[in-house]
Amino acid sequence: MQLDMAEGIGLIAGAIGSFAFAPQALKILRDNSAEDVSAVTYSMVCGGALLWFAYGVMKGSPAIMLWNAVAVVLAGAVLILKFRLRGR
């Protein structure tokens, strides 16, 4: 696989955007609380990232596929924690 400059920029941008969800997940785990996390927001993020992943598959773009898969996992983890910690 040969990377052009646009795909390289996409890989870097995707890494930054996808890992933006990691601090929230870590904070939830550290505080054992997800009370202030919006389930609607993270549901929308997961849905959008799934659609972007499908778009990446259709376009054959590794950067779009990779980083949106990571975004789904991280945002999904936040969403799962939100529901598991509800009422604590």
Protein backbone atom coordinates (compact mmCIF):
# COMPACT_ATOMS: atom_id res chain seq x y z
CA MET A 1 0.00 0.00 0.00
CA GLN A 2 1.42 3.32 -1.05
CA LEU A 3 0.50 6.37 1.01
CA ASP A 4 0.14 9.74 -0.63
CA MET A 5 0.33 13.00 1.33
CA ALA A 6 -3.47 13.30 1.62
CA GLU A 7 -3.75 9.81 3.12
CA GLY A 8 -0.90 10.61 5.51
CA ILE A 9 -2.67 13.76 6.68
CA GLY A 10 -5.86 11.73 7.04
CA LEU A 11 -4.07 9.22 9.25
CA ILE A 12 -2.71 11.96 11.52
CA ALA A 13 -6.01 13.88 11.67
CA GLY A 14 -7.94 10.69 12.34
CA ALA A 15 -5.65 9.71 15.19
CA ILE A 16 -6.12 13.08 16.87
CA GLY A 17 -9.89 13.06 16.35
CA SER A 18 -10.38 9.46 17.42
CA PHE A 19 -8.25 9.60 20.53
CA ALA A 20 -10.11 12.74 21.63
CA PHE A 21 -12.56 10.35 23.31
CA ALA A 22 -9.89 8.62 25.40
CA PRO A 23 -9.59 11.32 28.12
CA GLN A 24 -13.34 11.14 28.77
CA ALA A 25 -13.23 7.35 29.07
CA LEU A 26 -10.24 7.56 31.43
CA LYS A 27 -11.96 10.20 33.57
CA ILE A 28 -15.07 8.04 33.87
CA LEU A 29 -12.95 5.08 34.95
CA ARG A 30 -10.95 7.20 37.41
CA ASP A 31 -14.02 8.88 38.97
CA ASN A 32 -16.28 5.80 38.65
CA SER A 33 -18.99 8.17 37.44
CA ALA A 34 -20.45 9.08 34.05
CA GLU A 35 -23.26 11.24 35.40
CA ASP A 36 -22.28 14.32 33.40
CA VAL A 37 -21.78 12.45 30.10
CA SER A 38 -24.46 12.90 27.45
CA ALA A 39 -25.71 9.55 26.15
CA VAL A 40 -27.34 11.30 23.18
CA THR A 41 -24.07 12.96 22.17
CA TYR A 42 -22.06 9.75 22.34
CA SER A 43 -24.79 7.82 20.52
CA MET A 44 -24.63 10.38 17.73
CA VAL A 45 -20.83 10.17 17.65
CA CYS A 46 -20.98 6.38 17.37
CA GLY A 47 -23.59 6.56 14.60
CA GLY A 48 -21.62 9.17 12.69
CA ALA A 49 -18.37 7.23 13.02
CA LEU A 50 -20.07 4.05 11.79
CA LEU A 51 -21.32 5.92 8.73
CA TRP A 52 -17.88 7.42 8.13
CA PHE A 53 -16.41 3.92 8.42
CA ALA A 54 -18.85 2.69 5.75
CA TYR A 55 -17.89 5.65 3.58
CA GLY A 56 -14.22 4.77 4.02
CA VAL A 57 -14.93 1.20 2.95
CA MET A 58 -16.76 2.43 -0.16
CA LYS A 59 -13.96 4.85 -1.02
CA GLY A 60 -11.19 2.40 -0.14
CA SER A 61 -9.60 4.84 2.31
CA PRO A 62 -7.57 3.13 5.04
CA ALA A 63 -7.36 6.31 7.13
CA ILE A 64 -11.12 6.80 7.20
CA MET A 65 -11.77 3.14 7.96
CA LEU A 66 -9.11 2.81 10.67
CA TRP A 67 -9.77 5.94 12.67
CA ASN A 68 -13.53 5.74 12.53
CA ALA A 69 -13.34 2.16 13.78
CA VAL A 70 -11.19 3.44 16.67
CA ALA A 71 -13.67 6.29 17.28
CA VAL A 72 -16.57 3.81 17.46
CA VAL A 73 -14.68 1.68 19.99
CA LEU A 74 -13.70 4.62 22.22
CA ALA A 75 -17.01 6.49 22.02
CA GLY A 76 -18.83 3.19 22.42
CA ALA A 77 -16.79 2.46 25.53
CA VAL A 78 -17.84 5.82 27.00
CA LEU A 79 -21.47 5.01 26.17
CA ILE A 80 -21.25 1.54 27.73
CA LEU A 81 -19.67 3.01 30.86
CA LYS A 82 -22.44 5.63 30.98
CA PHE A 83 -25.09 2.90 31.17
CA ARG A 84 -23.15 0.54 33.44
CA LEU A 85 -22.50 3.26 36.01
CA ARG A 86 -26.02 4.67 35.94
CA GLY A 87 -27.44 5.15 39.42
CA ARG A 88 -24.12 4.98 41.25
